[in-house]
Amino acid sequence: MSALLLDTHVLLWWRGDYRRISVRAREAIADPGHVLFFSAASIWEMAIKHAAGKLKMPADVLDTFEQRGFTELRMSSRQGLIAGALPPHHGDPFDRMLVAQAQSEKLTLVTNDARIAAYDVPVLW
């Protein structure tokens, strides 16, 4: 059994327009043999974009992810240190935290962000 951490855009697409997700990633997400995680960093990112008027975020977003079988991955101080020490391949602090979480928890990161592949982390797309 492997564990997958979904990038923020993948979470949003899975909730709404799942056809934007690659077939390979969709099949992996739908596979009951995979444990699925969403990061508190993704929820934070969504909330910031929602407050800025850049994203429509439903009030039941957490319930929806949990009902679909996703488990919340909280952020730790250690992961914050890892994220801060990563090479500057990616400037987005939310993506850097996702990389740090995937590294520290031994997760595969589901993303279509090519810059993330520059880090030492398994990526699925």
N, C-alpha and C. Protein backbone atom coordinates (compact mmCIF):
# COMPACT_ATOMS: atom_id res chain seq x y z
N MET A 1 0.85 -1.17 0.00
CA MET A 1 0.00 0.00 0.00
C MET A 1 0.90 1.24 0.00
N SER A 2 0.61 2.17 -0.89
CA SER A 2 1.39 3.40 -0.89
C SER A 2 0.51 4.57 -0.46
N ALA A 3 1.17 5.65 -0.11
CA ALA A 3 0.46 6.82 0.38
C ALA A 3 0.70 8.00 -0.55
N LEU A 4 -0.37 8.72 -0.84
CA LEU A 4 -0.32 9.84 -1.76
C LEU A 4 -0.71 11.13 -1.06
N LEU A 5 0.06 12.18 -1.32
CA LEU A 5 -0.26 13.52 -0.83
C LEU A 5 -0.66 14.34 -2.05
N LEU A 6 -1.88 14.85 -2.06
CA LEU A 6 -2.36 15.59 -3.21
C LEU A 6 -2.03 17.08 -3.09
N ASP A 7 -1.45 17.62 -4.16
CA ASP A 7 -1.17 19.04 -4.23
C ASP A 7 -2.50 19.80 -4.23
N THR A 8 -2.45 21.06 -3.88
CA THR A 8 -3.67 21.86 -3.73
C THR A 8 -4.51 21.86 -5.00
N HIS A 9 -3.89 22.08 -6.14
CA HIS A 9 -4.67 22.11 -7.38
C HIS A 9 -5.32 20.76 -7.67
N VAL A 10 -4.66 19.68 -7.30
CA VAL A 10 -5.23 18.35 -7.53
C VAL A 10 -6.45 18.14 -6.63
N LEU A 11 -6.35 18.59 -5.39
CA LEU A 11 -7.51 18.52 -4.49
C LEU A 11 -8.70 19.27 -5.06
N LEU A 12 -8.45 20.47 -5.54
CA LEU A 12 -9.53 21.29 -6.10
C LEU A 12 -10.12 20.63 -7.34
N TRP A 13 -9.27 20.11 -8.20
CA TRP A 13 -9.77 19.46 -9.40
C TRP A 13 -10.52 18.18 -9.05
N TRP A 14 -10.04 17.42 -8.05
CA TRP A 14 -10.73 16.18 -7.65
C TRP A 14 -12.12 16.49 -7.13
N ARG A 15 -12.23 17.61 -6.45
CA ARG A 15 -13.52 18.03 -5.89
C ARG A 15 -14.45 18.56 -6.97
N GLY A 16 -13.88 19.16 -8.01
CA GLY A 16 -14.69 19.82 -9.02
C GLY A 16 -14.55 19.24 -10.41
N ASP A 17 -13.46 19.54 -11.08
CA ASP A 17 -13.25 19.15 -12.47
C ASP A 17 -12.16 18.07 -12.56
N TYR A 18 -12.49 16.85 -12.14
CA TYR A 18 -11.51 15.78 -12.04
C TYR A 18 -10.88 15.42 -13.38
N ARG A 19 -11.50 15.80 -14.49
CA ARG A 19 -10.93 15.48 -15.81
C ARG A 19 -9.64 16.24 -16.08
N ARG A 20 -9.36 17.28 -15.29
CA ARG A 20 -8.11 18.02 -15.44
C ARG A 20 -6.93 17.24 -14.87
N ILE A 21 -7.22 16.22 -14.09
CA ILE A 21 -6.18 15.37 -13.50
C ILE A 21 -5.81 14.31 -14.52
N SER A 22 -4.53 14.01 -14.62
CA SER A 22 -4.10 12.99 -15.58
C SER A 22 -4.79 11.66 -15.28
N VAL A 23 -4.93 10.83 -16.29
CA VAL A 23 -5.56 9.52 -16.12
C VAL A 23 -4.79 8.70 -15.10
N ARG A 24 -3.47 8.72 -15.20
CA ARG A 24 -2.63 7.95 -14.26
C ARG A 24 -2.87 8.39 -12.82
N ALA A 25 -2.92 9.70 -12.59
CA ALA A 25 -3.14 10.21 -11.24
C ALA A 25 -4.56 9.90 -10.76
N ARG A 26 -5.55 10.04 -11.64
CA ARG A 26 -6.94 9.72 -11.27
C ARG A 26 -7.07 8.26 -10.85
N GLU A 27 -6.43 7.37 -11.61
CA GLU A 27 -6.51 5.95 -11.28
C GLU A 27 -5.84 5.67 -9.94
N ALA A 28 -4.72 6.31 -9.68
CA ALA A 28 -4.03 6.11 -8.40
C ALA A 28 -4.88 6.63 -7.24
N ILE A 29 -5.52 7.77 -7.42
CA ILE A 29 -6.37 8.35 -6.37
C ILE A 29 -7.57 7.45 -6.11
N ALA A 30 -8.13 6.89 -7.17
CA ALA A 30 -9.32 6.04 -7.03
C ALA A 30 -8.99 4.64 -6.52
N ASP A 31 -7.74 4.25 -6.55
CA ASP A 31 -7.31 2.92 -6.13
C ASP A 31 -7.45 2.78 -4.61
N PRO A 32 -8.30 1.86 -4.13
CA PRO A 32 -8.47 1.71 -2.68
C PRO A 32 -7.22 1.22 -1.96
N GLY A 33 -6.21 0.80 -2.71
CA GLY A 33 -4.95 0.37 -2.11
C GLY A 33 -4.04 1.53 -1.72
N HIS A 34 -4.43 2.76 -2.05
CA HIS A 34 -3.64 3.93 -1.71
C HIS A 34 -4.28 4.70 -0.55
N VAL A 35 -3.45 5.13 0.36
CA VAL A 35 -3.90 6.01 1.44
C VAL A 35 -3.75 7.43 0.90
N LEU A 36 -4.80 8.24 1.03
CA LEU A 36 -4.82 9.58 0.46
C LEU A 36 -4.73 10.64 1.55
N PHE A 37 -3.85 11.62 1.34
CA PHE A 37 -3.66 12.70 2.30
C PHE A 37 -3.88 14.05 1.64
N PHE A 38 -4.42 14.98 2.42
CA PHE A 38 -4.41 16.39 2.04
C PHE A 38 -3.71 17.13 3.17
N SER A 39 -2.99 18.17 2.81
CA SER A 39 -2.20 18.90 3.79
C SER A 39 -2.96 20.10 4.36
N ALA A 40 -2.70 20.36 5.63
CA ALA A 40 -3.22 21.58 6.23
C ALA A 40 -2.69 22.80 5.46
N ALA A 41 -1.50 22.67 4.86
CA ALA A 41 -0.94 23.76 4.05
C ALA A 41 -1.84 24.06 2.85
N SER A 42 -2.44 23.03 2.26
CA SER A 42 -3.34 23.24 1.13
C SER A 42 -4.60 23.98 1.55
N ILE A 43 -5.12 23.63 2.71
CA ILE A 43 -6.32 24.32 3.21
C ILE A 43 -5.98 25.78 3.50
N TRP A 44 -4.82 26.02 4.08
CA TRP A 44 -4.36 27.38 4.35
C TRP A 44 -4.24 28.16 3.03
N GLU A 45 -3.64 27.54 2.02
CA GLU A 45 -3.50 28.19 0.72
C GLU A 45 -4.87 28.52 0.12
N MET A 46 -5.79 27.58 0.18
CA MET A 46 -7.14 27.82 -0.34
C MET A 46 -7.82 28.97 0.40
N ALA A 47 -7.69 28.98 1.71
CA ALA A 47 -8.33 30.03 2.53
C ALA A 47 -7.77 31.41 2.19
N ILE A 48 -6.46 31.51 1.98
CA ILE A 48 -5.85 32.79 1.61
C ILE A 48 -6.36 33.24 0.24
N LYS A 49 -6.40 32.33 -0.71
CA LYS A 49 -6.88 32.68 -2.05
C LYS A 49 -8.37 33.02 -2.02
N HIS A 50 -9.12 32.33 -1.18
CA HIS A 50 -10.54 32.63 -1.04
C HIS A 50 -10.74 34.03 -0.47
N ALA A 51 -9.98 34.37 0.56
CA ALA A 51 -10.09 35.69 1.19
C ALA A 51 -9.70 36.80 0.22
N ALA A 52 -8.79 36.50 -0.70
CA ALA A 52 -8.35 37.49 -1.69
C ALA A 52 -9.29 37.56 -2.90
N GLY A 53 -10.32 36.71 -2.91
CA GLY A 53 -11.26 36.69 -4.02
C GLY A 53 -10.77 35.95 -5.24
N LYS A 54 -9.71 35.16 -5.11
CA LYS A 54 -9.14 34.43 -6.24
C LYS A 54 -9.65 33.01 -6.36
N LEU A 55 -10.37 32.55 -5.35
CA LEU A 55 -10.83 31.16 -5.33
C LEU A 55 -12.14 31.09 -4.56
N LYS A 56 -13.05 30.32 -5.10
CA LYS A 56 -14.30 30.07 -4.40
C LYS A 56 -14.11 28.78 -3.59
N MET A 57 -14.20 28.89 -2.27
CA MET A 57 -13.99 27.73 -1.42
C MET A 57 -15.26 27.47 -0.61
N PRO A 58 -15.89 26.32 -0.83
CA PRO A 58 -17.10 26.01 -0.08
C PRO A 58 -16.80 25.81 1.41
N ALA A 59 -17.77 26.13 2.23
CA ALA A 59 -17.60 26.03 3.69
C ALA A 59 -17.38 24.58 4.13
N ASP A 60 -17.86 23.63 3.35
CA ASP A 60 -17.76 22.21 3.75
C ASP A 60 -16.56 21.51 3.12
N VAL A 61 -15.54 22.28 2.72
CA VAL A 61 -14.41 21.68 2.00
C VAL A 61 -13.73 20.58 2.81
N LEU A 62 -13.55 20.77 4.10
CA LEU A 62 -12.91 19.73 4.92
C LEU A 62 -13.77 18.47 4.99
N ASP A 63 -15.06 18.66 5.20
CA ASP A 63 -15.96 17.51 5.26
C ASP A 63 -15.94 16.73 3.95
N THR A 64 -15.90 17.46 2.85
CA THR A 64 -15.89 16.82 1.53
C THR A 64 -14.66 15.95 1.36
N PHE A 65 -13.49 16.47 1.71
CA PHE A 65 -12.27 15.67 1.56
C PHE A 65 -12.30 14.46 2.48
N GLU A 66 -12.76 14.62 3.69
CA GLU A 66 -12.82 13.50 4.62
C GLU A 66 -13.84 12.47 4.17
N GLN A 67 -14.99 12.92 3.62
CA GLN A 67 -16.00 11.98 3.13
C GLN A 67 -15.49 11.18 1.94
N ARG A 68 -14.58 11.76 1.19
CA ARG A 68 -14.01 11.08 0.03
C ARG A 68 -12.82 10.21 0.40
N GLY A 69 -12.53 10.10 1.69
CA GLY A 69 -11.50 9.18 2.14
C GLY A 69 -10.12 9.77 2.33
N PHE A 70 -9.99 11.08 2.27
CA PHE A 70 -8.70 11.73 2.48
C PHE A 70 -8.45 11.92 3.97
N THR A 71 -7.19 11.83 4.36
CA THR A 71 -6.79 12.05 5.74
C THR A 71 -5.99 13.35 5.81
N GLU A 72 -6.28 14.16 6.81
CA GLU A 72 -5.55 15.42 6.98
C GLU A 72 -4.13 15.16 7.45
N LEU A 73 -3.18 15.84 6.83
CA LEU A 73 -1.79 15.80 7.24
C LEU A 73 -1.46 17.17 7.82
N ARG A 74 -1.25 17.21 9.12
CA ARG A 74 -0.95 18.47 9.79
C ARG A 74 0.50 18.85 9.56
N MET A 75 0.79 20.13 9.71
CA MET A 75 2.16 20.63 9.53
C MET A 75 2.89 20.57 10.86
N SER A 76 4.15 20.18 10.82
CA SER A 76 4.95 20.15 12.03
C SER A 76 6.09 21.16 11.94
N SER A 77 6.63 21.49 13.08
CA SER A 77 7.78 22.40 13.13
C SER A 77 8.96 21.82 12.37
N ARG A 78 9.18 20.52 12.51
CA ARG A 78 10.28 19.85 11.80
C ARG A 78 10.09 19.99 10.29
N GLN A 79 8.87 19.82 9.83
CA GLN A 79 8.61 19.97 8.39
C GLN A 79 8.83 21.42 7.96
N GLY A 80 8.53 22.37 8.84
CA GLY A 80 8.82 23.77 8.55
C GLY A 80 10.30 24.02 8.36
N LEU A 81 11.11 23.38 9.19
CA LEU A 81 12.57 23.50 9.05
C LEU A 81 13.05 22.88 7.74
N ILE A 82 12.48 21.73 7.40
CA ILE A 82 12.85 21.06 6.14
C ILE A 82 12.46 21.95 4.96
N ALA A 83 11.25 22.50 4.98
CA ALA A 83 10.78 23.36 3.88
C ALA A 83 11.69 24.58 3.72
N GLY A 84 12.10 25.16 4.83
CA GLY A 84 12.97 26.33 4.78
C GLY A 84 14.36 26.04 4.26
N ALA A 85 14.81 24.81 4.41
CA ALA A 85 16.15 24.44 3.99
C ALA A 85 16.21 23.88 2.56
N LEU A 86 15.05 23.74 1.92
CA LEU A 86 15.04 23.19 0.56
C LEU A 86 15.74 24.13 -0.41
N PRO A 87 16.36 23.57 -1.46
CA PRO A 87 16.95 24.42 -2.49
C PRO A 87 15.85 25.30 -3.13
N PRO A 88 16.22 26.45 -3.67
CA PRO A 88 15.20 27.39 -4.17
C PRO A 88 14.65 27.05 -5.56
N HIS A 89 14.34 25.78 -5.80
CA HIS A 89 13.76 25.39 -7.08
C HIS A 89 12.36 25.98 -7.25
N HIS A 90 11.70 26.19 -6.14
CA HIS A 90 10.30 26.64 -6.14
C HIS A 90 10.15 27.72 -5.09
N GLY A 91 9.56 28.83 -5.46
CA GLY A 91 9.40 29.94 -4.51
C GLY A 91 8.13 29.90 -3.71
N ASP A 92 7.17 29.07 -4.08
CA ASP A 92 5.88 29.03 -3.41
C ASP A 92 6.02 28.32 -2.06
N PRO A 93 5.77 29.02 -0.95
CA PRO A 93 5.95 28.39 0.37
C PRO A 93 5.00 27.22 0.62
N PHE A 94 3.82 27.25 0.02
CA PHE A 94 2.89 26.14 0.21
C PHE A 94 3.42 24.88 -0.48
N ASP A 95 3.92 25.03 -1.69
CA ASP A 95 4.48 23.87 -2.39
C ASP A 95 5.73 23.36 -1.70
N ARG A 96 6.54 24.26 -1.16
CA ARG A 96 7.73 23.83 -0.43
C ARG A 96 7.34 23.03 0.82
N MET A 97 6.26 23.43 1.48
CA MET A 97 5.79 22.67 2.64
C MET A 97 5.28 21.29 2.21
N LEU A 98 4.59 21.22 1.09
CA LEU A 98 4.12 19.93 0.59
C LEU A 98 5.30 19.01 0.28
N VAL A 99 6.34 19.55 -0.31
CA VAL A 99 7.55 18.76 -0.58
C VAL A 99 8.14 18.26 0.73
N ALA A 100 8.26 19.15 1.71
CA ALA A 100 8.82 18.77 3.01
C ALA A 100 7.98 17.68 3.68
N GLN A 101 6.66 17.82 3.59
CA GLN A 101 5.79 16.80 4.18
C GLN A 101 5.92 15.47 3.45
N ALA A 102 5.97 15.51 2.13
CA ALA A 102 6.11 14.27 1.36
C ALA A 102 7.44 13.60 1.69
N GLN A 103 8.50 14.39 1.82
CA GLN A 103 9.80 13.83 2.16
C GLN A 103 9.79 13.21 3.55
N SER A 104 9.31 13.95 4.53
CA SER A 104 9.39 13.48 5.91
C SER A 104 8.43 12.33 6.21
N GLU A 105 7.32 12.26 5.50
CA GLU A 105 6.33 11.21 5.74
C GLU A 105 6.43 10.07 4.73
N LYS A 106 7.40 10.16 3.81
CA LYS A 106 7.60 9.12 2.78
C LYS A 106 6.35 8.95 1.91
N LEU A 107 5.84 10.08 1.40
CA LEU A 107 4.64 10.10 0.56
C LEU A 107 5.01 10.43 -0.88
N THR A 108 4.17 10.00 -1.80
CA THR A 108 4.29 10.40 -3.19
C THR A 108 3.40 11.61 -3.38
N LEU A 109 3.96 12.66 -3.97
CA LEU A 109 3.22 13.90 -4.18
C LEU A 109 2.55 13.86 -5.54
N VAL A 110 1.24 14.00 -5.54
CA VAL A 110 0.46 14.00 -6.79
C VAL A 110 0.33 15.46 -7.23
N THR A 111 1.00 15.79 -8.34
CA THR A 111 1.03 17.18 -8.82
C THR A 111 1.36 17.23 -10.30
N ASN A 112 0.94 18.30 -10.95
CA ASN A 112 1.37 18.51 -12.33
C ASN A 112 2.37 19.66 -12.40
N ASP A 113 2.87 20.09 -11.25
CA ASP A 113 3.85 21.17 -11.17
C ASP A 113 5.24 20.60 -11.44
N ALA A 114 5.77 20.86 -12.61
CA ALA A 114 7.06 20.30 -13.03
C ALA A 114 8.22 20.75 -12.14
N ARG A 115 8.10 21.91 -11.51
CA ARG A 115 9.19 22.40 -10.66
C ARG A 115 9.38 21.52 -9.43
N ILE A 116 8.33 20.86 -8.99
CA ILE A 116 8.44 20.01 -7.81
C ILE A 116 9.31 18.78 -8.08
N ALA A 117 9.33 18.33 -9.32
CA ALA A 117 10.14 17.16 -9.68
C ALA A 117 11.64 17.42 -9.49
N ALA A 118 12.04 18.68 -9.36
CA ALA A 118 13.45 19.00 -9.13
C ALA A 118 13.89 18.65 -7.71
N TYR A 119 12.94 18.40 -6.82
CA TYR A 119 13.26 18.04 -5.44
C TYR A 119 13.37 16.52 -5.32
N ASP A 120 13.98 16.09 -4.24
CA ASP A 120 14.13 14.68 -3.95
C ASP A 120 12.84 14.16 -3.31
N VAL A 121 11.83 13.99 -4.15
CA VAL A 121 10.52 13.53 -3.67
C VAL A 121 9.84 12.77 -4.82
N PRO A 122 9.22 11.64 -4.52
CA PRO A 122 8.48 10.93 -5.58
C PRO A 122 7.26 11.75 -6.03
N VAL A 123 7.09 11.85 -7.34
CA VAL A 123 6.00 12.63 -7.91
C VAL A 123 5.19 11.72 -8.82
N LEU A 124 3.89 11.88 -8.79
CA LEU A 124 2.99 11.14 -9.68
C LEU A 124 2.15 12.13 -10.46
N TRP A 125 2.15 11.96 -11.76
CA TRP A 125 1.23 12.70 -12.62
C TRP A 125 0.97 11.86 -13.82
